[in-house]
Amino acid sequence: MATISGSSSSLTQHLVNGVIGGAVGGVAFGVMMGMQGMLPMVGMLIGQDNAVVGFVVHMLISAFIGATFGVIASRVGGGKLPTTLIVGTLYGVVWWVLGALILMPLMLGMNAMVLQVGQMQINSLIGHAIFGVLMGGVYHVASSRNA
């Protein structure tokens, strides 16, 4: 198996730990989105105006973001919890800009909403930051158990 420099764990393990972190963060953020009635809009990314479909799509996206975070986190911070939490939070904010402010409006044909920030987007920023903290924390715990 391929290994990441400075780590005895395999790339696969970092990906898996990231997916686990992304799933935990995704559930928490998904609940927040559900409470705000936002999940049907996520479902519209695949043409389904449905909260359950939106949650499934959201969880698939969360797993992907978690996997990519696993690779990034394995290369920074030297396995220290504070650094992993900060990197997770920043990565969540990056995905807020990429996902909520750019990709989602474009994919839904709401071009005028690209990079527009109102209360709905502020709520999304908070959700993405919480997602990132949880993802980072769970990734750290999972990685510590595999060390």
N, C-alpha and C. Protein backbone atom coordinates (compact mmCIF):
# COMPACT_ATOMS: atom_id res chain seq x y z
N MET A 1 0.83 -1.18 0.00
CA MET A 1 0.00 0.00 0.00
C MET A 1 0.88 1.24 0.00
N ALA A 2 0.37 2.29 -0.64
CA ALA A 2 1.10 3.54 -0.67
C ALA A 2 1.01 4.20 0.70
N THR A 3 2.08 4.82 1.12
CA THR A 3 2.05 5.52 2.40
C THR A 3 2.27 7.00 2.17
N ILE A 4 1.79 7.78 3.10
CA ILE A 4 1.99 9.22 3.08
C ILE A 4 3.29 9.50 3.81
N SER A 5 4.09 10.42 3.26
CA SER A 5 5.38 10.69 3.89
C SER A 5 5.18 11.15 5.32
N GLY A 6 6.05 10.67 6.21
CA GLY A 6 5.99 11.04 7.61
C GLY A 6 4.96 10.25 8.39
N SER A 7 4.37 9.25 7.78
CA SER A 7 3.32 8.50 8.45
C SER A 7 3.50 7.02 8.18
N SER A 8 3.25 6.21 9.21
CA SER A 8 3.33 4.77 9.01
C SER A 8 1.99 4.20 8.56
N SER A 9 0.95 5.02 8.60
CA SER A 9 -0.36 4.58 8.16
C SER A 9 -0.45 4.64 6.64
N SER A 10 -1.28 3.80 6.09
CA SER A 10 -1.44 3.78 4.64
C SER A 10 -2.37 4.89 4.18
N LEU A 11 -2.26 5.22 2.91
CA LEU A 11 -3.16 6.20 2.31
C LEU A 11 -4.61 5.74 2.47
N THR A 12 -4.83 4.45 2.30
CA THR A 12 -6.19 3.92 2.45
C THR A 12 -6.74 4.21 3.83
N GLN A 13 -5.94 4.04 4.87
CA GLN A 13 -6.42 4.29 6.23
C GLN A 13 -6.76 5.75 6.43
N HIS A 14 -5.96 6.66 5.86
CA HIS A 14 -6.27 8.09 5.97
C HIS A 14 -7.58 8.41 5.26
N LEU A 15 -7.80 7.80 4.10
CA LEU A 15 -9.05 8.00 3.38
C LEU A 15 -10.24 7.49 4.21
N VAL A 16 -10.10 6.30 4.76
CA VAL A 16 -11.18 5.72 5.57
C VAL A 16 -11.45 6.59 6.80
N ASN A 17 -10.40 7.00 7.50
CA ASN A 17 -10.58 7.85 8.68
C ASN A 17 -11.25 9.17 8.29
N GLY A 18 -10.89 9.70 7.14
CA GLY A 18 -11.52 10.92 6.65
C GLY A 18 -13.00 10.71 6.33
N VAL A 19 -13.32 9.59 5.70
CA VAL A 19 -14.73 9.28 5.40
C VAL A 19 -15.53 9.17 6.70
N ILE A 20 -14.96 8.52 7.71
CA ILE A 20 -15.64 8.40 9.00
C ILE A 20 -15.89 9.80 9.59
N GLY A 21 -14.86 10.63 9.57
CA GLY A 21 -15.01 12.00 10.06
C GLY A 21 -16.04 12.78 9.26
N GLY A 22 -15.99 12.64 7.94
CA GLY A 22 -16.96 13.32 7.08
C GLY A 22 -18.38 12.85 7.33
N ALA A 23 -18.54 11.57 7.62
CA ALA A 23 -19.88 11.03 7.90
C ALA A 23 -20.44 11.60 9.20
N VAL A 24 -19.61 11.65 10.24
CA VAL A 24 -20.08 12.20 11.52
C VAL A 24 -20.42 13.68 11.36
N GLY A 25 -19.51 14.43 10.75
CA GLY A 25 -19.79 15.85 10.50
C GLY A 25 -21.00 16.02 9.60
N GLY A 26 -21.14 15.14 8.61
CA GLY A 26 -22.26 15.22 7.68
C GLY A 26 -23.60 14.98 8.34
N VAL A 27 -23.66 14.04 9.28
CA VAL A 27 -24.92 13.79 9.99
C VAL A 27 -25.32 15.03 10.79
N ALA A 28 -24.36 15.60 11.52
CA ALA A 28 -24.67 16.78 12.33
C ALA A 28 -25.12 17.94 11.44
N PHE A 29 -24.38 18.20 10.37
CA PHE A 29 -24.73 19.29 9.47
C PHE A 29 -26.05 18.98 8.75
N GLY A 30 -26.27 17.72 8.41
CA GLY A 30 -27.51 17.32 7.75
C GLY A 30 -28.72 17.56 8.64
N VAL A 31 -28.59 17.30 9.92
CA VAL A 31 -29.68 17.57 10.86
C VAL A 31 -29.97 19.07 10.89
N MET A 32 -28.90 19.87 10.93
CA MET A 32 -29.08 21.33 10.92
C MET A 32 -29.79 21.77 9.65
N MET A 33 -29.36 21.21 8.51
CA MET A 33 -29.98 21.57 7.24
C MET A 33 -31.44 21.14 7.21
N GLY A 34 -31.73 19.97 7.76
CA GLY A 34 -33.10 19.49 7.81
C GLY A 34 -34.00 20.40 8.64
N MET A 35 -33.46 20.89 9.73
CA MET A 35 -34.23 21.79 10.60
C MET A 35 -34.53 23.11 9.91
N GLN A 36 -33.70 23.48 8.96
CA GLN A 36 -33.88 24.74 8.23
C GLN A 36 -34.59 24.53 6.89
N GLY A 37 -34.99 23.29 6.60
CA GLY A 37 -35.70 23.02 5.36
C GLY A 37 -34.85 23.08 4.11
N MET A 38 -33.53 22.87 4.25
CA MET A 38 -32.61 23.03 3.12
C MET A 38 -32.35 21.73 2.34
N LEU A 39 -32.70 20.58 2.90
CA LEU A 39 -32.37 19.31 2.25
C LEU A 39 -33.03 19.12 0.88
N PRO A 40 -34.28 19.55 0.67
CA PRO A 40 -34.84 19.40 -0.67
C PRO A 40 -34.01 20.12 -1.75
N MET A 41 -33.42 21.27 -1.40
CA MET A 41 -32.58 21.98 -2.36
C MET A 41 -31.35 21.15 -2.71
N VAL A 42 -30.79 20.45 -1.75
CA VAL A 42 -29.64 19.59 -2.02
C VAL A 42 -30.08 18.45 -2.95
N GLY A 43 -31.28 17.93 -2.72
CA GLY A 43 -31.82 16.90 -3.60
C GLY A 43 -31.97 17.39 -5.03
N MET A 44 -32.22 18.67 -5.19
CA MET A 44 -32.37 19.24 -6.54
C MET A 44 -31.07 19.19 -7.34
N LEU A 45 -29.95 18.96 -6.66
CA LEU A 45 -28.69 18.79 -7.40
C LEU A 45 -28.76 17.60 -8.34
N ILE A 46 -29.62 16.63 -8.01
CA ILE A 46 -29.82 15.49 -8.91
C ILE A 46 -31.27 15.44 -9.41
N GLY A 47 -31.96 16.58 -9.36
CA GLY A 47 -33.30 16.69 -9.91
C GLY A 47 -34.41 16.15 -9.05
N GLN A 48 -34.18 15.96 -7.76
CA GLN A 48 -35.18 15.42 -6.85
C GLN A 48 -35.46 16.40 -5.71
N ASP A 49 -36.61 17.02 -5.73
CA ASP A 49 -37.00 17.98 -4.70
C ASP A 49 -37.53 17.20 -3.50
N ASN A 50 -36.62 16.57 -2.75
CA ASN A 50 -37.01 15.64 -1.70
C ASN A 50 -35.96 15.69 -0.59
N ALA A 51 -36.39 15.79 0.66
CA ALA A 51 -35.47 15.90 1.79
C ALA A 51 -34.65 14.64 1.99
N VAL A 52 -35.27 13.47 1.83
CA VAL A 52 -34.53 12.21 2.04
C VAL A 52 -33.44 12.07 0.98
N VAL A 53 -33.79 12.34 -0.27
CA VAL A 53 -32.80 12.29 -1.35
C VAL A 53 -31.72 13.34 -1.08
N GLY A 54 -32.12 14.51 -0.63
CA GLY A 54 -31.16 15.56 -0.31
C GLY A 54 -30.19 15.13 0.76
N PHE A 55 -30.70 14.41 1.77
CA PHE A 55 -29.82 13.93 2.84
C PHE A 55 -28.83 12.91 2.31
N VAL A 56 -29.28 12.02 1.45
CA VAL A 56 -28.38 11.01 0.86
C VAL A 56 -27.30 11.70 0.02
N VAL A 57 -27.69 12.66 -0.81
CA VAL A 57 -26.72 13.40 -1.61
C VAL A 57 -25.73 14.12 -0.70
N HIS A 58 -26.27 14.78 0.33
CA HIS A 58 -25.42 15.49 1.30
C HIS A 58 -24.41 14.54 1.95
N MET A 59 -24.84 13.34 2.32
CA MET A 59 -23.94 12.38 2.95
C MET A 59 -22.87 11.88 1.98
N LEU A 60 -23.21 11.71 0.72
CA LEU A 60 -22.21 11.31 -0.27
C LEU A 60 -21.17 12.41 -0.45
N ILE A 61 -21.63 13.65 -0.50
CA ILE A 61 -20.71 14.78 -0.60
C ILE A 61 -19.83 14.84 0.65
N SER A 62 -20.43 14.63 1.81
CA SER A 62 -19.69 14.66 3.08
C SER A 62 -18.61 13.59 3.11
N ALA A 63 -18.92 12.41 2.60
CA ALA A 63 -17.93 11.33 2.55
C ALA A 63 -16.77 11.70 1.63
N PHE A 64 -17.07 12.29 0.48
CA PHE A 64 -16.02 12.72 -0.45
C PHE A 64 -15.13 13.78 0.20
N ILE A 65 -15.77 14.78 0.81
CA ILE A 65 -15.00 15.85 1.46
C ILE A 65 -14.16 15.26 2.60
N GLY A 66 -14.72 14.33 3.34
CA GLY A 66 -13.97 13.68 4.41
C GLY A 66 -12.78 12.91 3.89
N ALA A 67 -12.95 12.18 2.79
CA ALA A 67 -11.84 11.42 2.21
C ALA A 67 -10.72 12.35 1.78
N THR A 68 -11.05 13.44 1.11
CA THR A 68 -10.00 14.37 0.68
C THR A 68 -9.35 15.04 1.89
N PHE A 69 -10.15 15.29 2.93
CA PHE A 69 -9.58 15.84 4.16
C PHE A 69 -8.59 14.86 4.78
N GLY A 70 -8.90 13.58 4.73
CA GLY A 70 -7.99 12.57 5.29
C GLY A 70 -6.60 12.65 4.67
N VAL A 71 -6.56 12.88 3.36
CA VAL A 71 -5.26 13.00 2.69
C VAL A 71 -4.56 14.29 3.13
N ILE A 72 -5.30 15.38 3.18
CA ILE A 72 -4.72 16.67 3.59
C ILE A 72 -4.23 16.61 5.03
N ALA A 73 -5.08 16.12 5.92
CA ALA A 73 -4.75 16.10 7.35
C ALA A 73 -3.55 15.20 7.63
N SER A 74 -3.36 14.17 6.82
CA SER A 74 -2.23 13.28 7.04
C SER A 74 -0.91 13.96 6.72
N ARG A 75 -0.97 15.08 6.02
CA ARG A 75 0.24 15.78 5.60
C ARG A 75 0.55 17.03 6.43
N VAL A 76 -0.38 17.44 7.28
CA VAL A 76 -0.17 18.66 8.07
C VAL A 76 -0.43 18.40 9.54
N GLY A 77 0.19 19.14 10.37
CA GLY A 77 -0.11 19.14 11.78
C GLY A 77 0.56 18.10 12.63
N GLY A 78 1.22 17.14 12.02
CA GLY A 78 1.93 16.14 12.80
C GLY A 78 1.04 15.35 13.76
N GLY A 79 -0.25 15.23 13.45
CA GLY A 79 -1.14 14.44 14.29
C GLY A 79 -1.60 15.13 15.56
N LYS A 80 -1.39 16.44 15.67
CA LYS A 80 -1.80 17.18 16.86
C LYS A 80 -3.27 17.60 16.73
N LEU A 81 -4.06 17.36 17.79
CA LEU A 81 -5.49 17.64 17.76
C LEU A 81 -5.81 19.10 17.43
N PRO A 82 -5.19 20.10 18.08
CA PRO A 82 -5.56 21.48 17.76
C PRO A 82 -5.36 21.82 16.28
N THR A 83 -4.26 21.36 15.73
CA THR A 83 -4.00 21.64 14.31
C THR A 83 -5.03 20.95 13.43
N THR A 84 -5.37 19.71 13.75
CA THR A 84 -6.35 18.97 12.95
C THR A 84 -7.72 19.65 13.03
N LEU A 85 -8.09 20.16 14.19
CA LEU A 85 -9.36 20.87 14.33
C LEU A 85 -9.37 22.16 13.51
N ILE A 86 -8.26 22.89 13.55
CA ILE A 86 -8.17 24.14 12.79
C ILE A 86 -8.22 23.85 11.29
N VAL A 87 -7.45 22.87 10.85
CA VAL A 87 -7.45 22.51 9.43
C VAL A 87 -8.83 22.03 9.00
N GLY A 88 -9.49 21.24 9.84
CA GLY A 88 -10.84 20.78 9.53
C GLY A 88 -11.82 21.94 9.40
N THR A 89 -11.74 22.88 10.32
CA THR A 89 -12.62 24.04 10.26
C THR A 89 -12.37 24.86 9.00
N LEU A 90 -11.10 25.10 8.71
CA LEU A 90 -10.76 25.86 7.49
C LEU A 90 -11.21 25.13 6.24
N TYR A 91 -11.07 23.81 6.23
CA TYR A 91 -11.51 23.03 5.07
C TYR A 91 -13.03 23.09 4.92
N GLY A 92 -13.75 23.10 6.04
CA GLY A 92 -15.19 23.28 5.98
C GLY A 92 -15.56 24.64 5.39
N VAL A 93 -14.84 25.67 5.76
CA VAL A 93 -15.09 27.02 5.23
C VAL A 93 -14.76 27.08 3.74
N VAL A 94 -13.67 26.42 3.33
CA VAL A 94 -13.34 26.37 1.91
C VAL A 94 -14.50 25.73 1.13
N TRP A 95 -15.06 24.64 1.65
CA TRP A 95 -16.17 23.98 0.98
C TRP A 95 -17.45 24.81 1.04
N TRP A 96 -17.58 25.68 2.03
CA TRP A 96 -18.71 26.61 2.05
C TRP A 96 -18.61 27.53 0.84
N VAL A 97 -17.43 28.08 0.61
CA VAL A 97 -17.25 28.97 -0.55
C VAL A 97 -17.46 28.19 -1.85
N LEU A 98 -16.76 27.05 -1.97
CA LEU A 98 -16.86 26.28 -3.21
C LEU A 98 -18.27 25.72 -3.43
N GLY A 99 -18.83 25.12 -2.39
CA GLY A 99 -20.12 24.44 -2.54
C GLY A 99 -21.31 25.36 -2.46
N ALA A 100 -21.46 26.01 -1.31
CA ALA A 100 -22.67 26.81 -1.07
C ALA A 100 -22.70 28.11 -1.85
N LEU A 101 -21.55 28.72 -2.03
CA LEU A 101 -21.53 30.03 -2.68
C LEU A 101 -21.27 29.98 -4.18
N ILE A 102 -20.68 28.90 -4.68
CA ILE A 102 -20.36 28.84 -6.11
C ILE A 102 -21.05 27.67 -6.80
N LEU A 103 -20.68 26.43 -6.45
CA LEU A 103 -21.15 25.27 -7.20
C LEU A 103 -22.66 25.05 -7.11
N MET A 104 -23.22 25.11 -5.91
CA MET A 104 -24.65 24.84 -5.77
C MET A 104 -25.50 25.85 -6.54
N PRO A 105 -25.26 27.16 -6.39
CA PRO A 105 -26.07 28.09 -7.18
C PRO A 105 -25.92 27.86 -8.70
N LEU A 106 -24.70 27.59 -9.14
CA LEU A 106 -24.49 27.35 -10.57
C LEU A 106 -25.22 26.09 -11.03
N MET A 107 -25.13 25.01 -10.24
CA MET A 107 -25.77 23.76 -10.61
C MET A 107 -27.30 23.84 -10.59
N LEU A 108 -27.83 24.75 -9.80
CA LEU A 108 -29.28 24.91 -9.70
C LEU A 108 -29.80 26.03 -10.60
N GLY A 109 -28.91 26.59 -11.44
CA GLY A 109 -29.33 27.63 -12.36
C GLY A 109 -29.60 28.97 -11.70
N MET A 110 -29.05 29.18 -10.52
CA MET A 110 -29.25 30.44 -9.80
C MET A 110 -27.98 31.28 -9.89
N ASN A 111 -27.59 31.59 -11.12
CA ASN A 111 -26.31 32.27 -11.37
C ASN A 111 -26.20 33.60 -10.64
N ALA A 112 -27.31 34.30 -10.46
CA ALA A 112 -27.28 35.59 -9.76
C ALA A 112 -26.94 35.42 -8.28
N MET A 113 -27.05 34.20 -7.74
CA MET A 113 -26.78 33.95 -6.33
C MET A 113 -25.31 33.60 -6.05
N VAL A 114 -24.50 33.43 -7.10
CA VAL A 114 -23.09 33.07 -6.91
C VAL A 114 -22.40 34.15 -6.09
N LEU A 115 -21.74 33.72 -5.03
CA LEU A 115 -20.99 34.58 -4.11
C LEU A 115 -21.84 35.62 -3.40
N GLN A 116 -23.16 35.41 -3.35
CA GLN A 116 -24.04 36.28 -2.60
C GLN A 116 -24.17 35.74 -1.18
N VAL A 117 -24.06 36.61 -0.19
CA VAL A 117 -24.11 36.17 1.21
C VAL A 117 -25.25 36.88 1.92
N GLY A 118 -26.24 36.08 2.32
CA GLY A 118 -27.36 36.55 3.13
C GLY A 118 -27.45 35.65 4.36
N GLN A 119 -28.57 35.72 5.06
CA GLN A 119 -28.73 34.93 6.28
C GLN A 119 -28.65 33.43 6.01
N MET A 120 -29.23 32.98 4.90
CA MET A 120 -29.18 31.55 4.59
C MET A 120 -27.73 31.10 4.41
N GLN A 121 -26.91 31.91 3.77
CA GLN A 121 -25.51 31.54 3.56
C GLN A 121 -24.70 31.63 4.86
N ILE A 122 -25.06 32.56 5.73
CA ILE A 122 -24.39 32.65 7.04
C ILE A 122 -24.70 31.39 7.85
N ASN A 123 -25.95 30.95 7.83
CA ASN A 123 -26.31 29.70 8.50
C ASN A 123 -25.52 28.53 7.91
N SER A 124 -25.36 28.54 6.60
CA SER A 124 -24.58 27.50 5.93
C SER A 124 -23.11 27.56 6.35
N LEU A 125 -22.57 28.76 6.49
CA LEU A 125 -21.18 28.91 6.94
C LEU A 125 -21.01 28.28 8.33
N ILE A 126 -21.94 28.56 9.22
CA ILE A 126 -21.88 27.99 10.57
C ILE A 126 -21.93 26.46 10.48
N GLY A 127 -22.82 25.94 9.66
CA GLY A 127 -22.92 24.50 9.48
C GLY A 127 -21.66 23.89 8.92
N HIS A 128 -21.06 24.55 7.93
CA HIS A 128 -19.82 24.04 7.34
C HIS A 128 -18.67 24.07 8.36
N ALA A 129 -18.63 25.11 9.19
CA ALA A 129 -17.58 25.19 10.21
C ALA A 129 -17.76 24.08 11.25
N ILE A 130 -18.99 23.85 11.68
CA ILE A 130 -19.26 22.76 12.63
C ILE A 130 -18.91 21.42 12.00
N PHE A 131 -19.31 21.24 10.75
CA PHE A 131 -18.95 20.04 10.00
C PHE A 131 -17.43 19.83 10.05
N GLY A 132 -16.67 20.90 9.77
CA GLY A 132 -15.21 20.80 9.73
C GLY A 132 -14.60 20.45 11.07
N VAL A 133 -15.11 21.04 12.14
CA VAL A 133 -14.61 20.74 13.49
C VAL A 133 -14.86 19.27 13.82
N LEU A 134 -16.09 18.82 13.58
CA LEU A 134 -16.42 17.42 13.87
C LEU A 134 -15.61 16.47 13.00
N MET A 135 -15.50 16.78 11.73
CA MET A 135 -14.73 15.94 10.82
C MET A 135 -13.28 15.84 11.29
N GLY A 136 -12.69 16.97 11.65
CA GLY A 136 -11.31 16.98 12.13
C GLY A 136 -11.13 16.21 13.41
N GLY A 137 -12.05 16.41 14.35
CA GLY A 137 -11.96 15.71 15.62
C GLY A 137 -12.11 14.21 15.48
N VAL A 138 -13.09 13.78 14.70
CA VAL A 138 -13.31 12.35 14.51
C VAL A 138 -12.15 11.74 13.72
N TYR A 139 -11.67 12.45 12.71
CA TYR A 139 -10.50 11.97 11.97
C TYR A 139 -9.32 11.76 12.93
N HIS A 140 -9.09 12.72 13.80
CA HIS A 140 -7.98 12.62 14.75
C HIS A 140 -8.13 11.40 15.66
N VAL A 141 -9.31 11.20 16.20
CA VAL A 141 -9.54 10.06 17.10
C VAL A 141 -9.35 8.75 16.33
N ALA A 142 -9.92 8.67 15.13
CA ALA A 142 -9.78 7.43 14.33
C ALA A 142 -8.32 7.18 13.98
N SER A 143 -7.60 8.23 13.63
CA SER A 143 -6.18 8.07 13.28
C SER A 143 -5.34 7.67 14.49
N SER A 144 -5.69 8.22 15.66
CA SER A 144 -4.96 7.87 16.89
C SER A 144 -5.14 6.40 17.23
N ARG A 145 -6.31 5.87 16.98
CA ARG A 145 -6.58 4.46 17.26
C ARG A 145 -5.85 3.54 16.31
N ASN A 146 -5.51 4.04 15.13
CA ASN A 146 -4.82 3.23 14.12
C ASN A 146 -3.31 3.37 14.20
N ALA A 147 -2.83 4.27 15.05
CA ALA A 147 -1.37 4.51 15.11
C ALA A 147 -0.65 3.37 15.79
